[in-house]
Amino acid sequence: MRVTVVSGLAGAGKSVALNMLEDLGYYCIDNLPLGLLGEVSADTLHRQGLDFDRLAVGVDARAREQEIEHFAERIDTLRAGGIDLQVLFLHADQKTLLRRYSETRRRHPLTGDNRTLVDAIDADLALTQPIAEKADVSIDTSRLNIHQLRDLVRNEVEGRVAGELSILVQSFGFKYGLPPAVDFVFDVRCLPNPHWVAGLRSATGLEQPVIDHLDAQPAVAEMRDYISDFLARWLPDFAAQDRTYITVAIGCTGGKHRSVYLAERVAERLRADQGHVLVRHNEL
């Protein structure tokens, strides 16, 4: 049985991660009392008529402090009992958490008559520290949007399930800044830009006129082969070091033409040798 524990600071994206896991076929339980976590096993669930082999459990500071203090012991006990268990911990900086609560106007679970939002965030950080220290994967969501966080969670979980490297290839525009949490960044702004070709400015690298134009550029083909060959050479070495996911970012000026085209072409090449390759276009 495979169990993924999703925890983190309130406002850091735990619900987004659980929704992603549910989409991947996990049975999800949010805010499970930690005292019941030790009761999780395939035999126990089968006796209750719950016949599934993948479970995701949400745990946060709403659990009792005494329970959180013994979190590591409970995790070790489950693993000793043969449970394939992974702990994901999501966090963000204080400024980001304050902004998110201000935008959504939701109440922080630790606020009260004598505790401000700032104090609640600080208390949350202190309370969840034992969980953070036990995490197998820690994700800073400060600069991630919902789609990027979903991609990271899916890459981590599906790569681990398959026992192989899971790869995300994303296009972006340098004018908007580097995307967060990337392992390799390729700058393709040196290539001919369709933005300056009549009739192509409003199109994207997914559309046939732009594809035909870039296919005809020798430098573009050379860059495509260079990036593909570089990744084909080094990705197996990362997989050998127990990495489960890699994020590759390809950037041009606006993130609409060259980077989109190359992200698609590079992903096609990688799929020939790698089991799981996702593509995302940040600016489209």
Protein backbone atom coordinates (compact mmCIF):
# COMPACT_ATOMS: atom_id res chain seq x y z
CA MET A 1 0.00 0.00 0.00
CA ARG A 2 1.23 3.48 -0.85
CA VAL A 3 0.52 6.39 1.53
CA THR A 4 1.34 10.05 0.86
CA VAL A 5 1.13 12.41 3.82
CA VAL A 6 0.58 16.01 2.71
CA SER A 7 1.34 18.65 5.29
CA GLY A 8 2.58 22.20 5.51
CA LEU A 9 1.75 25.71 6.58
CA ALA A 10 -1.83 26.91 6.28
CA GLY A 11 -2.13 28.81 3.01
CA ALA A 12 0.83 27.05 1.38
CA GLY A 13 -1.29 24.90 -0.96
CA LYS A 14 -2.14 21.68 0.87
CA SER A 15 -5.65 21.57 -0.60
CA VAL A 16 -4.26 22.01 -4.11
CA ALA A 17 -1.85 19.11 -3.55
CA LEU A 18 -4.59 16.86 -2.17
CA ASN A 19 -6.84 17.66 -5.13
CA MET A 20 -4.01 16.75 -7.48
CA LEU A 21 -3.51 13.43 -5.71
CA GLU A 22 -7.23 12.74 -5.89
CA ASP A 23 -7.05 13.30 -9.66
CA LEU A 24 -4.24 10.72 -9.75
CA GLY A 25 -6.48 8.10 -8.15
CA TYR A 26 -5.60 8.51 -4.49
CA TYR A 27 -8.25 8.21 -1.80
CA CYS A 28 -7.80 11.49 0.11
CA ILE A 29 -8.53 12.26 3.75
CA ASP A 30 -7.90 15.77 5.04
CA ASN A 31 -7.20 16.68 8.68
CA LEU A 32 -6.93 13.09 9.86
CA PRO A 33 -6.16 12.93 13.61
CA LEU A 34 -2.59 11.75 13.92
CA GLY A 35 -3.65 9.18 16.46
CA LEU A 36 -5.47 7.38 13.64
CA LEU A 37 -2.53 7.53 11.26
CA GLY A 38 -0.98 4.56 13.02
CA GLU A 39 -4.11 2.54 12.24
CA VAL A 40 -3.52 2.86 8.50
CA SER A 41 -2.72 -0.46 6.84
CA ALA A 42 -3.94 -2.40 3.85
CA ASP A 43 -5.44 -5.12 6.12
CA THR A 44 -7.24 -2.61 8.35
CA LEU A 45 -8.76 -0.75 5.41
CA HIS A 46 -9.75 -3.99 3.69
CA ARG A 47 -11.63 -5.10 6.79
CA GLN A 48 -13.51 -1.81 6.68
CA GLY A 49 -14.51 -2.45 3.09
CA LEU A 50 -12.13 0.19 1.71
CA ASP A 51 -10.42 -1.59 -1.14
CA PHE A 52 -7.76 0.76 -2.55
CA ASP A 53 -4.01 0.72 -2.63
CA ARG A 54 -3.20 4.46 -2.64
CA LEU A 55 -4.07 6.82 0.19
CA ALA A 56 -3.30 10.53 0.70
CA VAL A 57 -3.66 12.05 4.14
CA GLY A 58 -3.69 15.76 4.95
CA VAL A 59 -2.08 16.73 8.26
CA ASP A 60 -1.57 20.25 9.61
CA ALA A 61 -1.38 22.33 12.79
CA ARG A 62 -5.04 21.62 13.58
CA ALA A 63 -3.76 18.34 15.02
CA ARG A 64 -2.91 18.42 18.71
CA GLU A 65 0.59 19.59 19.58
CA GLN A 66 1.32 16.40 21.51
CA GLU A 67 0.41 14.34 18.45
CA ILE A 68 2.64 16.38 16.14
CA GLU A 69 5.57 15.94 18.51
CA HIS A 70 5.36 12.16 17.94
CA PHE A 71 4.86 12.45 14.17
CA ALA A 72 8.30 11.01 13.33
CA GLU A 73 7.68 7.95 15.50
CA ARG A 74 4.36 7.24 13.81
CA ILE A 75 5.93 7.52 10.36
CA ASP A 76 8.77 5.16 11.30
CA THR A 77 6.27 2.66 12.71
CA LEU A 78 4.23 2.68 9.51
CA ARG A 79 7.31 2.15 7.37
CA ALA A 80 8.49 -0.67 9.61
CA GLY A 81 5.10 -2.30 9.04
CA GLY A 82 5.66 -2.37 5.28
CA ILE A 83 3.77 0.80 4.28
CA ASP A 84 5.29 2.61 1.29
CA LEU A 85 5.06 6.11 2.73
CA GLN A 86 6.12 9.56 1.54
CA VAL A 87 5.79 12.91 3.34
CA LEU A 88 5.27 16.12 1.33
CA PHE A 89 5.64 19.42 3.18
CA LEU A 90 4.49 22.70 1.62
CA HIS A 91 5.64 26.06 2.90
CA ALA A 92 5.82 29.71 1.82
CA ASP A 93 7.31 32.90 3.18
CA GLN A 94 5.36 35.07 5.60
CA LYS A 95 4.73 37.86 3.08
CA THR A 96 3.16 35.42 0.62
CA LEU A 97 0.97 33.79 3.26
CA LEU A 98 -0.25 37.20 4.47
CA ARG A 99 -1.10 38.20 0.90
CA ARG A 100 -2.98 34.96 0.23
CA TYR A 101 -5.11 35.30 3.35
CA SER A 102 -5.75 38.95 2.53
CA GLU A 103 -6.90 38.04 -1.00
CA THR A 104 -9.11 35.12 0.00
CA ARG A 105 -10.31 36.67 3.28
CA ARG A 106 -10.28 33.22 4.83
CA ARG A 107 -9.60 32.75 8.52
CA HIS A 108 -6.29 31.19 9.50
CA PRO A 109 -7.03 28.07 11.59
CA LEU A 110 -4.79 29.31 14.41
CA THR A 111 -6.09 32.85 14.71
CA GLY A 112 -8.16 33.80 17.73
CA ASP A 113 -9.18 36.64 20.01
CA ASN A 114 -5.65 37.09 21.29
CA ARG A 115 -3.68 35.99 18.20
CA THR A 116 -3.18 38.09 15.07
CA LEU A 117 -2.67 36.63 11.61
CA VAL A 118 1.09 37.27 11.82
CA ASP A 119 1.22 35.51 15.19
CA ALA A 120 -0.83 32.61 13.80
CA ILE A 121 1.59 32.11 10.89
CA ASP A 122 4.55 32.11 13.29
CA ALA A 123 2.78 29.62 15.56
CA ASP A 124 1.97 27.41 12.56
CA LEU A 125 5.63 27.34 11.57
CA ALA A 126 6.69 26.31 15.07
CA LEU A 127 3.98 23.68 15.47
CA THR A 128 4.64 21.93 12.16
CA GLN A 129 8.42 21.87 12.56
CA PRO A 130 8.51 18.15 13.55
CA ILE A 131 6.63 17.33 10.34
CA ALA A 132 8.89 19.54 8.21
CA GLU A 133 11.96 17.79 9.60
CA LYS A 134 10.55 14.38 8.62
CA ALA A 135 9.50 15.42 5.10
CA ASP A 136 10.87 13.51 2.12
CA VAL A 137 10.00 16.40 -0.19
CA SER A 138 9.74 20.05 0.83
CA ILE A 139 8.22 22.52 -1.66
CA ASP A 140 8.39 26.29 -1.34
CA THR A 141 5.17 27.55 -2.97
CA SER A 142 5.90 31.27 -2.53
CA ARG A 143 6.37 31.85 -6.26
CA LEU A 144 4.24 29.01 -7.59
CA ASN A 145 0.81 29.38 -9.12
CA ILE A 146 -1.77 26.62 -8.78
CA HIS A 147 -0.82 24.97 -12.08
CA GLN A 148 2.89 24.91 -11.27
CA LEU A 149 2.22 23.40 -7.84
CA ARG A 150 0.00 20.73 -9.35
CA ASP A 151 2.76 19.90 -11.86
CA LEU A 152 5.37 19.60 -9.11
CA VAL A 153 3.18 17.34 -7.00
CA ARG A 154 2.27 15.17 -9.98
CA ASN A 155 5.89 14.90 -11.10
CA GLU A 156 7.06 13.93 -7.63
CA VAL A 157 4.34 11.36 -7.01
CA GLU A 158 4.10 9.80 -10.47
CA GLY A 159 7.87 9.64 -10.84
CA ARG A 160 8.12 7.85 -7.53
CA VAL A 161 5.25 5.46 -8.35
CA ALA A 162 6.75 4.52 -11.68
CA GLY A 163 10.25 4.16 -10.28
CA GLU A 164 11.57 6.36 -13.05
CA LEU A 165 12.37 9.97 -13.75
CA SER A 166 9.40 12.27 -14.31
CA ILE A 167 10.18 15.36 -16.38
CA LEU A 168 8.45 18.70 -16.76
CA VAL A 169 9.47 20.81 -19.77
CA GLN A 170 8.13 24.34 -19.57
CA SER A 171 8.38 27.38 -21.81
CA PHE A 172 8.52 30.89 -20.36
CA GLY A 173 9.25 34.50 -21.21
CA PHE A 174 12.32 36.17 -19.71
CA LYS A 175 10.41 39.47 -19.61
CA TYR A 176 8.22 37.91 -16.91
CA GLY A 177 11.09 36.45 -14.89
CA LEU A 178 12.47 32.99 -14.36
CA PRO A 179 9.95 30.33 -13.31
CA PRO A 180 10.53 28.89 -9.82
CA ALA A 181 11.89 25.49 -8.87
CA VAL A 182 13.66 24.64 -12.13
CA ASP A 183 16.71 22.41 -12.55
CA PHE A 184 17.85 23.43 -16.05
CA VAL A 185 17.31 26.75 -17.83
CA PHE A 186 17.98 27.19 -21.56
CA ASP A 187 18.01 30.69 -23.06
CA VAL A 188 16.92 30.66 -26.73
CA ARG A 189 16.62 34.42 -27.26
CA CYS A 190 19.55 34.22 -29.70
CA LEU A 191 17.32 32.45 -32.26
CA PRO A 192 15.36 34.20 -35.05
CA ASN A 193 12.22 35.70 -33.55
CA PRO A 194 8.86 35.14 -35.34
CA HIS A 195 7.57 38.19 -33.48
CA TRP A 196 9.14 40.32 -36.21
CA VAL A 197 7.68 38.31 -39.11
CA ALA A 198 4.53 39.71 -40.69
CA GLY A 199 1.50 37.64 -39.78
CA LEU A 200 3.21 35.63 -37.01
CA ARG A 201 3.30 38.12 -34.14
CA SER A 202 -0.12 37.18 -32.76
CA ALA A 203 0.37 33.44 -33.31
CA THR A 204 2.16 31.03 -30.95
CA GLY A 205 4.67 28.23 -31.22
CA LEU A 206 1.79 25.77 -31.19
CA GLU A 207 0.37 27.06 -34.46
CA GLN A 208 1.40 25.68 -37.83
CA PRO A 209 2.58 28.93 -39.49
CA VAL A 210 5.07 29.52 -36.64
CA ILE A 211 6.08 25.86 -36.63
CA ASP A 212 6.77 25.96 -40.38
CA HIS A 213 8.76 29.18 -40.02
CA LEU A 214 10.94 27.83 -37.21
CA ASP A 215 11.35 24.43 -38.90
CA ALA A 216 13.03 26.29 -41.76
CA GLN A 217 15.64 27.95 -39.48
CA PRO A 218 18.89 25.91 -39.25
CA ALA A 219 19.86 27.55 -35.94
CA VAL A 220 16.57 26.47 -34.38
CA ALA A 221 17.14 22.85 -35.38
CA GLU A 222 20.68 23.02 -34.01
CA MET A 223 19.42 24.39 -30.67
CA ARG A 224 16.72 21.70 -30.52
CA ASP A 225 19.29 18.96 -31.04
CA TYR A 226 21.71 20.51 -28.55
CA ILE A 227 19.14 20.71 -25.74
CA SER A 228 17.77 17.24 -26.48
CA ASP A 229 21.23 15.65 -26.61
CA PHE A 230 22.35 17.41 -23.43
CA LEU A 231 19.32 16.17 -21.50
CA ALA A 232 19.54 12.67 -22.96
CA ARG A 233 23.15 12.49 -21.77
CA TRP A 234 22.66 13.77 -18.20
CA LEU A 235 19.14 12.81 -17.12
CA PRO A 236 20.10 9.15 -16.50
CA ASP A 237 22.79 10.35 -14.09
CA PHE A 238 20.21 12.31 -12.13
CA ALA A 239 17.90 9.29 -12.07
CA ALA A 240 20.78 7.20 -10.74
CA GLN A 241 21.00 9.59 -7.77
CA ASP A 242 17.41 8.75 -6.77
CA ARG A 243 15.95 11.91 -8.26
CA THR A 244 12.33 11.34 -9.17
CA TYR A 245 11.58 14.51 -11.12
CA ILE A 246 13.42 17.15 -13.13
CA THR A 247 12.09 20.49 -14.36
CA VAL A 248 13.50 21.96 -17.58
CA ALA A 249 12.74 25.56 -18.53
CA ILE A 250 13.23 26.97 -22.03
CA GLY A 251 12.90 30.73 -22.32
CA CYS A 252 12.62 33.32 -25.05
CA THR A 253 11.70 36.99 -24.76
CA GLY A 254 7.92 36.77 -24.46
CA GLY A 255 7.40 33.03 -24.05
CA LYS A 256 5.06 32.72 -27.03
CA HIS A 257 7.04 31.53 -30.07
CA ARG A 258 10.56 30.08 -29.86
CA SER A 259 10.39 28.67 -26.34
CA VAL A 260 6.97 27.11 -26.94
CA TYR A 261 8.09 25.50 -30.17
CA LEU A 262 11.29 24.12 -28.62
CA ALA A 263 9.59 22.87 -25.46
CA GLU A 264 7.26 20.78 -27.62
CA ARG A 265 10.08 19.45 -29.82
CA VAL A 266 12.37 18.64 -26.89
CA ALA A 267 9.54 16.86 -25.05
CA GLU A 268 8.90 14.74 -28.15
CA ARG A 269 12.55 13.65 -28.18
CA LEU A 270 12.58 12.89 -24.46
CA ARG A 271 9.45 10.74 -24.63
CA ALA A 272 11.34 8.27 -26.81
CA ASP A 273 13.59 7.36 -23.85
CA GLN A 274 11.86 8.68 -20.72
CA GLY A 275 8.69 7.26 -19.24
CA HIS A 276 6.85 10.40 -18.16
CA VAL A 277 7.22 13.83 -19.76
CA LEU A 278 4.89 16.78 -19.15
CA VAL A 279 4.83 20.08 -21.05
CA ARG A 280 3.60 23.43 -19.72
CA HIS A 281 3.62 26.82 -21.43
CA ASN A 282 3.70 29.43 -18.70
CA GLU A 283 2.81 32.45 -20.81
CA LEU A 284 0.03 30.94 -22.95
